[in-house]
Each structure stands twice: as structure tokens, then as C-alpha cells.
Amino acid sequence: MKPSPSFRHRLEAISLRFLLGLVSMFPVKACSDFGGFLGRIIGPRLGITRKADLNLRLAMPELSLSERKKIIRDMWDNLGRVIFEYPHLKEIVQIDKGYITVEGIDKFEAANVKDKALIFVGAHIGNWEVLPMTAALRGYPQTIIVRQPNNPLVADIIDKLRTSTGNISASKGVEGARASLKAIRNGSAVGILADQKMNDGIKAPFFDIPAMTPAAPALLGSKKNVAVFPIQCKRTGPASFHLICHPAVKFPNTTNREQAGIEGMTELNKIIEGW
């Protein structure tokens, strides 16, 4: 039996519902712009920005201070937009609305995916929520592996938004692993963001720095009946995105699971670094 939500959890959920309801009353592009404005104003003043700057210095030591500041400012702009786009997600991904353009559908045909299970690999770039939602509306519903908020009431609210086009979600970790295997056995699709930290994952280089990385894309992708496609999301404007389907990744054919995981995720991380 689940414990009753705390007062704080209830208050956070009520506040979120109010914010989403308020934001949903305004045009989607105006909401995106306002979110970006707030992100640029508030984000750089938060303490976590120091960690972002440290990570940039480690990953890209060649960047100047002004270049790092611009990247961090753009990061907060994008995150603010993502937050304020949440109540409009279902509208944004509709095929006839024109917010989304897609490139590389022919990659599916080249990989002969008709009889294969699919794994779509994205990253926290652009608006990562539109990736699985767009795919679902184009005939590829999937099990998406997510990191749920600590507040279960907030998690339920966000989950209803991100699964509104027919996907199902599973928390990363044991639940996500089981859900992924079930989807693969059923010949369906799995969506995962490869740049999220996985404490129970594997160490693979990301910008030449060892990072705890989800192993599932590589381990499952090494099976013959599975095709793994990196999907890139590029923001082209307020609530507007260009999705690029990259060619299916070929993973090493080995019985050594650890080697397969490290080599496979190293290859995927290199692709994401180029985005």
C-alpha cells in the first residue's frame, strides 16, 4: 500500500496544476517565448549554474568564459521553453500543425525494420518530450524510460501529458529494464534518453569523461531482432523542432555483455556529442 501524499507533495501538485492551467490559456509560441525569457533571467543566478560551468570546463576546456556563459544562457533559455511548452505538447506534435518537421524516415526503410523491435535513443536537447510523442502519432508507439519526479502527484501530472499520444512510461532502473525487455519481446519500440545518469548503468566515455550511462540501448541493440536509431531534436524556433533520424547503429557482435555495453554506448555517446 502506497503512503498517503504529504502536505508538501499536495501543495506542489496544486501549484503545478494551476501553472499548467494558466499557461495552457495562452498561445503556444507566446508561452515558449515567455518560458525562455524566465529561463534566461532566473537560471544563470541559480547555484546549479556553477556545476554547469564546471562540466563545460571539463568537457570543452578550449571554450572561453564568454562562450561558456552563452552556452549556459542558451541552456536555461531552452529549459524554460520546455517547461512552458508542457501543457501544449499534444498540440505541438500534431502532424497538421506544422511545429514539427522530420528528416530521415528513409533510414527505417534502409534498416528493414518491419520485423524488428525498435529502440529510439535521444538526448536532453531541444524538447526531448516531443520525440516519443511525435513517433507515436506516426505509427511508432513506445515504452519510454523516464526519471520520475520525487513527488508522485507531480509525476502523475507530467506522465499524463507525455503519454497523451499513446505511449506508456516506466521509471528508469529495474522497472524500466523489465518494461524494455517486455517491449522488445513483443516486437514494439522503446524510447530512452542516453545522456541521463544511471547509477546502475555502465561507465562509458562522454566527451572523454567516464560517465554512468544506461547500458540498455547497446545490450538490447546487439540482438539480431532489434534496431537502434539515434533521433536528434533541433529547436528551430518557439515550440518548433526539426527531428533527424540517424542511421541505425551497428553494435559489436560479442557474447561479453560488459564489452558490448561499453563499446556500444561509447559509439552512441560519440553520435550525441556531435549534436
Protein backbone atom coordinates (compact mmCIF):
# COMPACT_ATOMS: atom_id res chain seq x y z
CA MET A 1 0.00 0.00 0.00
CA LYS A 2 1.40 3.37 -1.04
CA PRO A 3 1.81 6.00 1.71
CA SER A 4 -0.50 9.00 1.60
CA PRO A 5 0.98 12.04 -0.15
CA SER A 6 2.49 14.60 2.20
CA PHE A 7 1.17 18.14 2.55
CA ARG A 8 4.18 19.39 0.61
CA HIS A 9 3.51 16.96 -2.22
CA ARG A 10 -0.12 18.05 -2.40
CA LEU A 11 0.85 21.73 -2.39
CA GLU A 12 3.41 21.20 -5.16
CA ALA A 13 0.85 19.31 -7.27
CA ILE A 14 -1.81 22.01 -6.80
CA SER A 15 0.71 24.71 -7.73
CA LEU A 16 1.77 22.79 -10.84
CA ARG A 17 -1.83 22.24 -11.95
CA PHE A 18 -2.51 25.95 -11.53
CA LEU A 19 0.60 26.90 -13.53
CA LEU A 20 -0.15 24.44 -16.34
CA GLY A 21 -3.78 25.55 -16.48
CA LEU A 22 -2.73 29.19 -16.67
CA VAL A 23 -0.09 28.58 -19.33
CA SER A 24 -2.50 26.49 -21.43
CA MET A 25 -4.73 29.56 -21.86
CA PHE A 26 -2.12 31.37 -23.96
CA PRO A 27 -0.81 30.66 -27.49
CA VAL A 28 1.89 28.02 -27.59
CA LYS A 29 4.61 30.18 -29.15
CA ALA A 30 3.98 33.02 -26.70
CA CYS A 31 4.29 30.54 -23.84
CA SER A 32 7.55 29.20 -25.24
CA ASP A 33 8.98 32.71 -25.57
CA PHE A 34 7.91 33.66 -22.04
CA GLY A 35 9.44 30.47 -20.65
CA GLY A 36 12.68 31.23 -22.47
CA PHE A 37 12.69 34.76 -21.05
CA LEU A 38 12.25 33.50 -17.49
CA GLY A 39 14.91 30.85 -18.02
CA ARG A 40 17.46 33.42 -19.22
CA ILE A 41 16.71 35.76 -16.29
CA ILE A 42 16.46 33.26 -13.43
CA GLY A 43 18.59 30.28 -14.48
CA PRO A 44 22.08 31.87 -14.54
CA ARG A 45 21.51 33.14 -10.99
CA LEU A 46 20.89 29.66 -9.56
CA GLY A 47 23.68 27.82 -7.76
CA ILE A 48 23.50 24.82 -10.09
CA THR A 49 24.83 27.07 -12.86
CA ARG A 50 28.27 26.74 -11.27
CA LYS A 51 28.08 22.98 -11.84
CA ALA A 52 27.11 23.55 -15.48
CA ASP A 53 30.14 25.82 -15.91
CA LEU A 54 32.40 23.21 -14.28
CA ASN A 55 31.10 20.49 -16.59
CA LEU A 56 31.73 22.69 -19.63
CA ARG A 57 35.29 23.38 -18.48
CA LEU A 58 35.88 19.65 -18.09
CA ALA A 59 34.26 18.61 -21.38
CA MET A 60 35.35 21.56 -23.54
CA PRO A 61 38.41 23.20 -21.97
CA GLU A 62 39.04 25.15 -25.16
CA LEU A 63 35.95 27.34 -24.59
CA SER A 64 36.42 30.89 -23.35
CA LEU A 65 34.47 32.31 -20.40
CA SER A 66 32.16 34.26 -22.72
CA GLU A 67 31.49 31.15 -24.81
CA ARG A 68 30.62 29.14 -21.71
CA LYS A 69 28.30 31.89 -20.49
CA LYS A 70 26.48 31.92 -23.82
CA ILE A 71 26.03 28.14 -23.80
CA ILE A 72 24.71 28.24 -20.23
CA ARG A 73 22.36 31.12 -21.07
CA ASP A 74 21.06 29.22 -24.10
CA MET A 75 20.64 26.11 -21.93
CA TRP A 76 18.44 27.99 -19.45
CA ASP A 77 16.51 29.58 -22.31
CA ASN A 78 15.76 26.14 -23.74
CA LEU A 79 14.83 24.63 -20.37
CA GLY A 80 12.44 27.50 -19.66
CA ARG A 81 10.82 26.94 -23.04
CA VAL A 82 10.50 23.18 -22.42
CA ILE A 83 8.71 23.79 -19.10
CA PHE A 84 6.22 26.25 -20.57
CA GLU A 85 5.61 24.02 -23.59
CA TYR A 86 4.39 21.11 -21.42
CA PRO A 87 0.66 21.94 -21.45
CA HIS A 88 0.83 22.37 -25.24
CA LEU A 89 2.75 19.18 -26.06
CA LYS A 90 -0.18 17.35 -27.61
CA GLU A 91 -0.83 20.31 -29.91
CA ILE A 92 2.84 20.77 -30.83
CA VAL A 93 3.27 17.19 -32.07
CA GLN A 94 0.13 17.06 -34.23
CA ILE A 95 1.13 16.32 -37.81
CA ASP A 96 -1.06 19.04 -39.35
CA LYS A 97 0.08 21.87 -37.04
CA GLY A 98 3.46 22.45 -38.68
CA TYR A 99 5.51 22.72 -35.50
CA ILE A 100 7.47 19.55 -36.28
CA THR A 101 9.47 18.61 -39.36
CA VAL A 102 11.04 15.17 -39.72
CA GLU A 103 14.11 14.13 -41.70
CA GLY A 104 15.45 10.65 -42.34
CA ILE A 105 12.35 8.45 -42.35
CA ASP A 106 14.06 6.57 -45.20
CA LYS A 107 16.56 5.27 -42.61
CA PHE A 108 13.82 2.97 -41.32
CA GLU A 109 13.29 1.51 -44.77
CA ALA A 110 17.04 1.02 -45.25
CA ALA A 111 17.25 -0.93 -41.99
CA ASN A 112 14.29 -3.18 -42.91
CA VAL A 113 12.57 -2.65 -39.54
CA LYS A 114 9.31 -4.38 -40.40
CA ASP A 115 10.06 -7.48 -38.32
CA LYS A 116 12.29 -5.82 -35.72
CA ALA A 117 11.79 -4.25 -32.32
CA LEU A 118 12.98 -0.64 -32.24
CA ILE A 119 14.92 1.44 -29.74
CA PHE A 120 14.83 5.20 -30.23
CA VAL A 121 17.72 6.97 -28.49
CA GLY A 122 17.55 10.68 -27.81
CA ALA A 123 19.19 13.22 -25.51
CA HIS A 124 18.19 16.23 -23.42
CA ILE A 125 18.40 18.55 -26.42
CA GLY A 126 15.64 20.67 -27.96
CA ASN A 127 12.42 19.40 -26.37
CA TRP A 128 13.06 15.75 -25.64
CA GLU A 129 9.39 15.15 -24.79
CA VAL A 130 8.30 15.63 -28.41
CA LEU A 131 10.48 12.75 -29.66
CA PRO A 132 8.36 9.78 -28.47
CA MET A 133 5.09 11.69 -28.82
CA THR A 134 5.81 12.50 -32.47
CA ALA A 135 6.87 8.91 -33.16
CA ALA A 136 3.65 7.56 -31.63
CA LEU A 137 1.49 9.69 -33.92
CA ARG A 138 3.46 8.40 -36.91
CA GLY A 139 2.90 4.75 -36.12
CA TYR A 140 5.64 4.00 -33.59
CA PRO A 141 4.12 3.99 -30.07
CA GLN A 142 6.69 3.07 -27.49
CA THR A 143 7.62 2.40 -23.89
CA ILE A 144 9.56 5.44 -22.73
CA ILE A 145 12.08 5.14 -19.91
CA VAL A 146 11.97 8.23 -17.70
CA ARG A 147 13.29 9.61 -14.44
CA GLN A 148 10.14 10.33 -12.46
CA PRO A 149 9.95 13.37 -10.14
CA ASN A 150 10.27 12.58 -6.44
CA ASN A 151 6.73 13.85 -5.89
CA PRO A 152 4.37 11.06 -7.08
CA LEU A 153 1.48 13.51 -7.59
CA VAL A 154 3.64 15.69 -9.83
CA ALA A 155 4.86 12.55 -11.62
CA ASP A 156 1.25 11.61 -12.42
CA ILE A 157 0.52 15.07 -13.85
CA ILE A 158 3.58 15.06 -16.11
CA ASP A 159 3.01 11.44 -17.09
CA LYS A 160 -0.48 12.21 -18.41
CA LEU A 161 0.98 14.92 -20.63
CA ARG A 162 3.88 12.87 -22.01
CA THR A 163 1.73 9.77 -22.68
CA SER A 164 -1.20 11.63 -24.25
CA THR A 165 -0.41 10.32 -27.76
CA GLY A 166 -0.41 6.64 -26.85
CA ASN A 167 2.95 5.88 -25.26
CA ILE A 168 3.46 4.26 -21.87
CA SER A 169 6.16 5.24 -19.39
CA ALA A 170 8.36 3.28 -16.99
CA SER A 171 10.77 4.57 -14.36
CA LYS A 172 14.45 4.08 -15.08
CA GLY A 173 16.08 1.26 -13.14
CA VAL A 174 14.57 -2.16 -12.51
CA GLU A 175 11.07 -1.16 -13.67
CA GLY A 176 12.44 0.35 -16.87
CA ALA A 177 14.61 -2.69 -17.60
CA ARG A 178 11.66 -5.05 -17.24
CA ALA A 179 9.41 -2.83 -19.35
CA SER A 180 12.08 -2.58 -22.06
CA LEU A 181 12.53 -6.34 -22.25
CA LYS A 182 8.78 -6.83 -22.43
CA ALA A 183 8.50 -4.32 -25.28
CA ILE A 184 11.39 -5.95 -27.18
CA ARG A 185 9.87 -9.42 -26.79
CA ASN A 186 6.58 -8.06 -28.13
CA GLY A 187 8.36 -6.55 -31.13
CA SER A 188 7.42 -2.98 -30.20
CA ALA A 189 9.51 0.13 -29.51
CA VAL A 190 11.44 1.61 -26.59
CA GLY A 191 12.44 5.24 -26.14
CA ILE A 192 15.34 6.27 -23.92
CA LEU A 193 17.49 9.35 -23.35
CA ALA A 194 21.07 8.15 -23.36
CA ASP A 195 22.53 11.18 -21.57
CA GLN A 196 20.68 10.63 -18.29
CA LYS A 197 22.73 9.45 -15.33
CA MET A 198 22.18 5.79 -14.42
CA ASN A 199 23.71 4.78 -11.09
CA ASP A 200 23.22 1.12 -12.04
CA GLY A 201 24.48 1.63 -15.60
CA ILE A 202 27.96 1.28 -17.07
CA LYS A 203 30.91 3.66 -17.31
CA ALA A 204 31.33 4.87 -20.87
CA PRO A 205 33.23 7.94 -22.09
CA PHE A 206 31.13 11.04 -22.76
CA PHE A 207 33.24 13.96 -24.02
CA ASP A 208 36.21 11.80 -22.94
CA ILE A 209 34.99 11.71 -19.33
CA PRO A 210 33.77 8.41 -17.80
CA ALA A 211 30.02 8.72 -17.18
CA MET A 212 27.46 6.35 -15.71
CA THR A 213 25.44 5.58 -18.82
CA PRO A 214 22.34 3.43 -19.48
CA ALA A 215 23.52 0.14 -20.95
CA ALA A 216 20.14 -0.99 -22.33
CA PRO A 217 20.44 0.52 -25.85
CA ALA A 218 23.72 -1.31 -26.50
CA LEU A 219 22.85 -4.60 -24.79
CA LEU A 220 19.43 -4.85 -26.42
CA GLY A 221 20.71 -3.42 -29.70
CA SER A 222 23.24 -6.23 -30.07
CA LYS A 223 20.36 -8.66 -30.61
CA LYS A 224 19.56 -9.54 -34.23
CA ASN A 225 15.87 -8.63 -33.99
CA VAL A 226 16.47 -5.12 -32.61
CA ALA A 227 17.33 -1.90 -34.46
CA VAL A 228 18.63 1.16 -32.57
CA PHE A 229 18.07 4.61 -34.08
CA PRO A 230 19.55 7.83 -32.66
CA ILE A 231 16.93 10.58 -33.00
CA GLN A 232 18.11 14.19 -32.81
CA CYS A 233 15.79 17.05 -31.83
CA LYS A 234 16.84 20.51 -33.03
CA ARG A 235 14.91 23.55 -31.84
CA THR A 236 14.19 25.80 -34.81
CA GLY A 237 12.09 28.41 -33.02
CA PRO A 238 9.43 28.87 -30.33
CA ALA A 239 7.74 25.45 -29.95
CA SER A 240 9.17 24.42 -33.34
CA PHE A 241 11.50 21.48 -33.93
CA HIS A 242 13.33 19.54 -36.63
CA LEU A 243 13.72 15.83 -35.86
CA ILE A 244 16.54 13.93 -37.55
CA CYS A 245 16.55 10.15 -37.69
CA HIS A 246 20.15 8.99 -37.95
CA PRO A 247 21.11 5.60 -39.46
CA ALA A 248 20.70 2.53 -37.28
CA VAL A 249 23.72 1.90 -35.06
CA LYS A 250 25.59 -1.36 -35.56
CA PHE A 251 26.78 -2.82 -32.28
CA PRO A 252 29.67 -5.27 -31.75
CA ASN A 253 28.70 -8.91 -32.02
CA THR A 254 30.13 -10.39 -28.83
CA THR A 255 29.00 -12.67 -26.03
CA ASN A 256 30.78 -10.45 -23.49
CA ARG A 257 27.93 -8.31 -22.13
CA GLU A 258 30.21 -5.80 -20.41
CA GLN A 259 32.28 -5.30 -23.55
CA ALA A 260 29.15 -4.99 -25.69
CA GLY A 261 27.70 -2.40 -23.34
CA ILE A 262 30.81 -0.24 -23.11
CA GLU A 263 31.66 -0.36 -26.83
CA GLY A 264 28.06 0.19 -27.89
CA MET A 265 27.39 3.12 -25.57
CA THR A 266 30.74 4.68 -26.46
CA GLU A 267 29.59 4.70 -30.09
CA LEU A 268 26.20 6.18 -29.17
CA ASN A 269 27.79 8.83 -26.95
CA LYS A 270 30.04 9.91 -29.83
CA ILE A 271 26.96 10.42 -32.00
CA ILE A 272 25.26 12.51 -29.32
CA GLU A 273 28.43 14.59 -28.80
CA GLY A 274 28.11 15.67 -32.44
CA TRP A 275 24.65 17.10 -31.88
